[in-house]
Every structure is written in C-alpha cells, then in structure tokens.
Amino acid sequence: MEAKIGKMFESVSSFFGGGDQIPWCDRDVIVGCEREVAEASGGASEERKNESIMRLSWALVHSRQSEDINRGIAMLEASLTNTRAPLQQREKLYLLAVGYYRNAEYVRSRQLLEKCLQIAPDWRQASALKKTVEDQIAKDGVIGIGIAATAVGLIAAGIAAAASRR
C-alpha cells in the first residue's frame, strides 16, 4: 500500500515538476564564453569566431536567466540566415528550440524541432526534446482544462448562491 502511495506522489510531483533532461548553464560559463568571443573577434579566423559564438549561444539558451535565453535566441536567429550547411543549421535550430522551450514557448519549440528532424530524421536528441515539448503541451492543456472547469464551477456556485438568496 505504501509503495502505491509513494508511486502516486512521485507521479504527481513529476507531472507538476517537469523533468526534462536539458542541462543548465551557470553565469561563470557564460562570462567565459563571452570572453572567448571577444578574443576571437580580435583577429582570429572566421571559423574560430563562429565556433566561439556557437558556444556562447549554447550557454545562453541553457541559462536560468530569461534575459540570457532571449539574448541567445536573438543571436541564433540572426546567425541562422547566413547558415547554409545542414549540420550547422540543424544545431542552430535545436538550440533555438531549447531557448523557446526554456521560455515556455512550446509550440514554437516543437516547430523548430520538426525542422531539425527534417534535416536529420534519426537525431535522438531532437526527438527526445520534441517528446518533452509535446508532453509539456499536453500537461498545459490538462492544467488549462482544470482551471477552466474550476472557474465554471465557481461561477455556477455563485449563480446558485445568488438564486437561493432570492
């Protein structure tokens, strides 16, 4: 009996807690990446500059700070227009999807992941994130339905209470 109750609580807490496997990035890593980009901008090769910008973009979209995430999204979107190589395009689309996921823009994240999977259909990392995003969309739908049902119940109770007073 205790095991069943424990599983139930674990299920409920994982439902409300999320449970994605996307890593977080600390501020000191972001600062190090920013320093690397600044150094690469001072005359390094174009390839080194692009690699350091990609590392910074990765760090930003994996940050816990929404302003960092938004900055990473902006950097990736700006650089995506100049990207022709499918592998680089796939990586940038994936990082954009992570950023949008972290900003709770799940529909946009799913769209980007679908583009990733068109480029590389067997990419497990994108498939796993897409499942996480779809689970989050479904969870938000269930929570939204619960909130709507509660609101309707409260309105009905208020109407019933007002009618009974007359």
C-alpha atoms as a PDB file:
ATOM      1  CA  MET A   1       0.000   0.000   0.000  1.00  0.00           C
ATOM      2  CA  GLU A   2       2.790   2.431   0.930  1.00  0.00           C
ATOM      3  CA  ALA A   3       4.556   1.661  -2.345  1.00  0.00           C
ATOM      4  CA  LYS A   4       1.416   2.554  -4.321  1.00  0.00           C
ATOM      5  CA  ILE A   5       1.019   5.825  -2.436  1.00  0.00           C
ATOM      6  CA  GLY A   6       4.705   6.606  -2.984  1.00  0.00           C
ATOM      7  CA  LYS A   7       4.358   5.983  -6.725  1.00  0.00           C
ATOM      8  CA  MET A   8       1.268   8.179  -6.837  1.00  0.00           C
ATOM      9  CA  PHE A   9       3.095  11.086  -5.134  1.00  0.00           C
ATOM     10  CA  GLU A  10       6.106  10.587  -7.407  1.00  0.00           C
ATOM     11  CA  SER A  11       3.821  10.652 -10.447  1.00  0.00           C
ATOM     12  CA  VAL A  12       2.075  13.834  -9.315  1.00  0.00           C
ATOM     13  CA  SER A  13       5.349  15.589  -8.465  1.00  0.00           C
ATOM     14  CA  SER A  14       6.907  14.668 -11.812  1.00  0.00           C
ATOM     15  CA  PHE A  15       3.749  15.890 -13.567  1.00  0.00           C
ATOM     16  CA  PHE A  16       3.985  19.321 -11.981  1.00  0.00           C
ATOM     17  CA  GLY A  17       7.764  19.462 -11.720  1.00  0.00           C
ATOM     18  CA  GLY A  18       8.639  18.893 -15.349  1.00  0.00           C
ATOM     19  CA  GLY A  19      11.549  16.531 -15.578  1.00  0.00           C
ATOM     20  CA  ASP A  20      13.391  17.497 -18.739  1.00  0.00           C
ATOM     21  CA  GLN A  21      16.994  16.376 -19.101  1.00  0.00           C
ATOM     22  CA  ILE A  22      18.301  19.621 -20.605  1.00  0.00           C
ATOM     23  CA  PRO A  23      21.379  20.876 -18.745  1.00  0.00           C
ATOM     24  CA  TRP A  24      21.591  24.277 -17.112  1.00  0.00           C
ATOM     25  CA  CYS A  25      24.485  26.671 -17.582  1.00  0.00           C
ATOM     26  CA  ASP A  26      25.960  28.853 -14.867  1.00  0.00           C
ATOM     27  CA  ARG A  27      26.752  32.518 -15.229  1.00  0.00           C
ATOM     28  CA  ASP A  28      30.518  31.960 -14.964  1.00  0.00           C
ATOM     29  CA  VAL A  29      30.430  29.707 -18.052  1.00  0.00           C
ATOM     30  CA  ILE A  30      28.574  32.412 -19.968  1.00  0.00           C
ATOM     31  CA  VAL A  31      31.171  35.004 -18.917  1.00  0.00           C
ATOM     32  CA  GLY A  32      33.948  32.691 -20.104  1.00  0.00           C
ATOM     33  CA  CYS A  33      32.214  32.234 -23.463  1.00  0.00           C
ATOM     34  CA  GLU A  34      31.752  35.989 -23.807  1.00  0.00           C
ATOM     35  CA  ARG A  35      35.466  36.456 -23.160  1.00  0.00           C
ATOM     36  CA  GLU A  36      36.249  33.824 -25.803  1.00  0.00           C
ATOM     37  CA  VAL A  37      34.035  35.611 -28.366  1.00  0.00           C
ATOM     38  CA  ALA A  38      35.750  38.929 -27.601  1.00  0.00           C
ATOM     39  CA  GLU A  39      39.182  37.352 -28.062  1.00  0.00           C
ATOM     40  CA  ALA A  40      38.119  35.651 -31.306  1.00  0.00           C
ATOM     41  CA  SER A  41      36.758  38.945 -32.639  1.00  0.00           C
ATOM     42  CA  GLY A  42      40.211  40.438 -32.316  1.00  0.00           C
ATOM     43  CA  GLY A  43      41.611  38.916 -35.486  1.00  0.00           C
ATOM     44  CA  ALA A  44      41.001  35.171 -35.177  1.00  0.00           C
ATOM     45  CA  SER A  45      39.859  33.100 -38.117  1.00  0.00           C
ATOM     46  CA  GLU A  46      36.216  33.232 -39.158  1.00  0.00           C
ATOM     47  CA  GLU A  47      35.823  29.571 -38.195  1.00  0.00           C
ATOM     48  CA  ARG A  48      37.131  30.166 -34.662  1.00  0.00           C
ATOM     49  CA  LYS A  49      34.881  33.203 -34.312  1.00  0.00           C
ATOM     50  CA  ASN A  50      31.816  31.191 -35.408  1.00  0.00           C
ATOM     51  CA  GLU A  51      32.685  28.330 -33.041  1.00  0.00           C
ATOM     52  CA  SER A  52      33.012  30.680 -30.079  1.00  0.00           C
ATOM     53  CA  ILE A  53      29.694  32.343 -30.963  1.00  0.00           C
ATOM     54  CA  MET A  54      28.040  28.902 -31.099  1.00  0.00           C
ATOM     55  CA  ARG A  55      29.437  28.047 -27.641  1.00  0.00           C
ATOM     56  CA  LEU A  56      28.147  31.344 -26.279  1.00  0.00           C
ATOM     57  CA  SER A  57      24.732  30.725 -27.885  1.00  0.00           C
ATOM     58  CA  TRP A  58      24.639  27.265 -26.312  1.00  0.00           C
ATOM     59  CA  ALA A  59      25.491  28.688 -22.896  1.00  0.00           C
ATOM     60  CA  LEU A  60      22.898  31.461 -23.188  1.00  0.00           C
ATOM     61  CA  VAL A  61      19.933  29.248 -24.120  1.00  0.00           C
ATOM     62  CA  HIS A  62      20.864  26.862 -21.289  1.00  0.00           C
ATOM     63  CA  SER A  63      20.925  29.680 -18.725  1.00  0.00           C
ATOM     64  CA  ARG A  64      18.463  30.032 -15.854  1.00  0.00           C
ATOM     65  CA  GLN A  65      18.071  33.759 -16.636  1.00  0.00           C
ATOM     66  CA  SER A  66      15.396  34.695 -19.167  1.00  0.00           C
ATOM     67  CA  GLU A  67      17.396  37.699 -20.418  1.00  0.00           C
ATOM     68  CA  ASP A  68      20.307  35.364 -21.259  1.00  0.00           C
ATOM     69  CA  ILE A  69      17.946  32.969 -23.018  1.00  0.00           C
ATOM     70  CA  ASN A  70      16.419  35.799 -25.047  1.00  0.00           C
ATOM     71  CA  ARG A  71      19.888  37.029 -25.984  1.00  0.00           C
ATOM     72  CA  GLY A  72      20.850  33.530 -27.119  1.00  0.00           C
ATOM     73  CA  ILE A  73      17.685  33.238 -29.196  1.00  0.00           C
ATOM     74  CA  ALA A  74      18.390  36.586 -30.856  1.00  0.00           C
ATOM     75  CA  MET A  75      21.991  35.582 -31.645  1.00  0.00           C
ATOM     76  CA  LEU A  76      20.906  32.246 -33.120  1.00  0.00           C
ATOM     77  CA  GLU A  77      18.120  33.740 -35.209  1.00  0.00           C
ATOM     78  CA  ALA A  78      20.496  36.381 -36.585  1.00  0.00           C
ATOM     79  CA  SER A  79      23.126  33.796 -37.481  1.00  0.00           C
ATOM     80  CA  LEU A  80      20.672  31.272 -38.921  1.00  0.00           C
ATOM     81  CA  THR A  81      20.034  33.369 -42.027  1.00  0.00           C
ATOM     82  CA  ASN A  82      23.704  33.049 -43.043  1.00  0.00           C
ATOM     83  CA  THR A  83      23.912  29.307 -42.395  1.00  0.00           C
ATOM     84  CA  ARG A  84      23.898  27.028 -45.418  1.00  0.00           C
ATOM     85  CA  ALA A  85      25.478  23.811 -44.115  1.00  0.00           C
ATOM     86  CA  PRO A  86      22.735  21.384 -42.995  1.00  0.00           C
ATOM     87  CA  LEU A  87      24.666  20.262 -39.898  1.00  0.00           C
ATOM     88  CA  GLN A  88      25.145  23.823 -38.664  1.00  0.00           C
ATOM     89  CA  GLN A  89      21.537  24.660 -39.493  1.00  0.00           C
ATOM     90  CA  ARG A  90      20.358  21.621 -37.526  1.00  0.00           C
ATOM     91  CA  GLU A  91      22.453  22.640 -34.500  1.00  0.00           C
ATOM     92  CA  LYS A  92      21.182  26.209 -34.527  1.00  0.00           C
ATOM     93  CA  LEU A  93      17.561  25.104 -34.927  1.00  0.00           C
ATOM     94  CA  TYR A  94      17.977  22.735 -31.998  1.00  0.00           C
ATOM     95  CA  LEU A  95      19.482  25.435 -29.777  1.00  0.00           C
ATOM     96  CA  LEU A  96      16.662  27.788 -30.778  1.00  0.00           C
ATOM     97  CA  ALA A  97      14.181  25.065 -29.804  1.00  0.00           C
ATOM     98  CA  VAL A  98      15.891  24.746 -26.405  1.00  0.00           C
ATOM     99  CA  GLY A  99      15.650  28.513 -25.923  1.00  0.00           C
ATOM    100  CA  TYR A 100      11.980  28.615 -26.810  1.00  0.00           C
ATOM    101  CA  TYR A 101      11.336  25.605 -24.576  1.00  0.00           C
ATOM    102  CA  ARG A 102      13.031  27.382 -21.669  1.00  0.00           C
ATOM    103  CA  ASN A 103      10.854  30.431 -22.374  1.00  0.00           C
ATOM    104  CA  ALA A 104       7.746  28.191 -22.277  1.00  0.00           C
ATOM    105  CA  GLU A 105       7.033  28.848 -25.962  1.00  0.00           C
ATOM    106  CA  TYR A 106       6.348  25.182 -26.576  1.00  0.00           C
ATOM    107  CA  VAL A 107       4.571  25.419 -29.927  1.00  0.00           C
ATOM    108  CA  ARG A 108       7.465  27.388 -31.456  1.00  0.00           C
ATOM    109  CA  SER A 109       9.947  24.954 -29.935  1.00  0.00           C
ATOM    110  CA  ARG A 110       8.096  21.998 -31.471  1.00  0.00           C
ATOM    111  CA  GLN A 111       8.076  23.695 -34.898  1.00  0.00           C
ATOM    112  CA  LEU A 112      11.835  24.166 -34.776  1.00  0.00           C
ATOM    113  CA  LEU A 113      12.378  20.579 -33.665  1.00  0.00           C
ATOM    114  CA  GLU A 114      10.294  19.358 -36.580  1.00  0.00           C
ATOM    115  CA  LYS A 115      12.605  21.319 -38.905  1.00  0.00           C
ATOM    116  CA  CYS A 116      15.607  19.701 -37.172  1.00  0.00           C
ATOM    117  CA  LEU A 117      14.124  16.273 -37.725  1.00  0.00           C
ATOM    118  CA  GLN A 118      13.516  17.031 -41.403  1.00  0.00           C
ATOM    119  CA  ILE A 119      17.246  17.662 -41.727  1.00  0.00           C
ATOM    120  CA  ALA A 120      18.246  14.667 -39.546  1.00  0.00           C
ATOM    121  CA  PRO A 121      15.270  12.308 -39.004  1.00  0.00           C
ATOM    122  CA  ASP A 122      17.158   9.932 -36.717  1.00  0.00           C
ATOM    123  CA  TRP A 123      18.592  12.568 -34.341  1.00  0.00           C
ATOM    124  CA  ARG A 124      17.758  11.201 -30.888  1.00  0.00           C
ATOM    125  CA  GLN A 125      18.460  14.416 -29.013  1.00  0.00           C
ATOM    126  CA  ALA A 126      15.919  16.375 -31.069  1.00  0.00           C
ATOM    127  CA  SER A 127      13.417  13.512 -30.866  1.00  0.00           C
ATOM    128  CA  ALA A 128      13.758  13.370 -27.076  1.00  0.00           C
ATOM    129  CA  LEU A 129      13.279  17.131 -26.726  1.00  0.00           C
ATOM    130  CA  LYS A 130      10.294  17.007 -29.073  1.00  0.00           C
ATOM    131  CA  LYS A 131       8.666  14.377 -26.854  1.00  0.00           C
ATOM    132  CA  THR A 132       9.375  16.520 -23.781  1.00  0.00           C
ATOM    133  CA  VAL A 133       7.849  19.556 -25.517  1.00  0.00           C
ATOM    134  CA  GLU A 134       4.772  17.593 -26.583  1.00  0.00           C
ATOM    135  CA  ASP A 135       4.366  16.238 -23.038  1.00  0.00           C
ATOM    136  CA  GLN A 136       4.559  19.808 -21.738  1.00  0.00           C
ATOM    137  CA  ILE A 137       1.945  20.973 -24.251  1.00  0.00           C
ATOM    138  CA  ALA A 138      -0.350  18.137 -23.171  1.00  0.00           C
ATOM    139  CA  LYS A 139       0.279  18.891 -19.484  1.00  0.00           C
ATOM    140  CA  ASP A 140      -0.509  22.568 -20.020  1.00  0.00           C
ATOM    141  CA  GLY A 141      -3.721  21.541 -21.769  1.00  0.00           C
ATOM    142  CA  VAL A 142      -4.774  19.363 -18.832  1.00  0.00           C
ATOM    143  CA  ILE A 143      -3.977  22.132 -16.360  1.00  0.00           C
ATOM    144  CA  GLY A 144      -5.865  24.645 -18.524  1.00  0.00           C
ATOM    145  CA  ILE A 145      -8.904  22.386 -18.645  1.00  0.00           C
ATOM    146  CA  GLY A 146      -8.748  22.014 -14.858  1.00  0.00           C
ATOM    147  CA  ILE A 147      -8.573  25.778 -14.379  1.00  0.00           C
ATOM    148  CA  ALA A 148     -11.465  26.327 -16.791  1.00  0.00           C
ATOM    149  CA  ALA A 149     -13.566  23.656 -15.077  1.00  0.00           C
ATOM    150  CA  THR A 150     -12.862  25.227 -11.686  1.00  0.00           C
ATOM    151  CA  ALA A 151     -13.834  28.671 -12.989  1.00  0.00           C
ATOM    152  CA  VAL A 152     -17.082  27.309 -14.445  1.00  0.00           C
ATOM    153  CA  GLY A 153     -17.797  25.558 -11.138  1.00  0.00           C
ATOM    154  CA  LEU A 154     -17.204  28.755  -9.157  1.00  0.00           C
ATOM    155  CA  ILE A 155     -19.442  30.753 -11.486  1.00  0.00           C
ATOM    156  CA  ALA A 156     -22.179  28.124 -11.257  1.00  0.00           C
ATOM    157  CA  ALA A 157     -21.874  28.081  -7.460  1.00  0.00           C
ATOM    158  CA  GLY A 158     -22.100  31.882  -7.376  1.00  0.00           C
ATOM    159  CA  ILE A 159     -25.191  31.852  -9.566  1.00  0.00           C
ATOM    160  CA  ALA A 160     -26.763  29.121  -7.430  1.00  0.00           C
ATOM    161  CA  ALA A 161     -25.988  31.045  -4.236  1.00  0.00           C
ATOM    162  CA  ALA A 162     -27.450  34.258  -5.672  1.00  0.00           C
ATOM    163  CA  ALA A 163     -30.555  32.404  -6.845  1.00  0.00           C
ATOM    164  CA  SER A 164     -31.073  30.766  -3.458  1.00  0.00           C
ATOM    165  CA  ARG A 165     -30.961  34.152  -1.704  1.00  0.00           C
ATOM    166  CA  ARG A 166     -33.920  35.401  -3.728  1.00  0.00           C
END
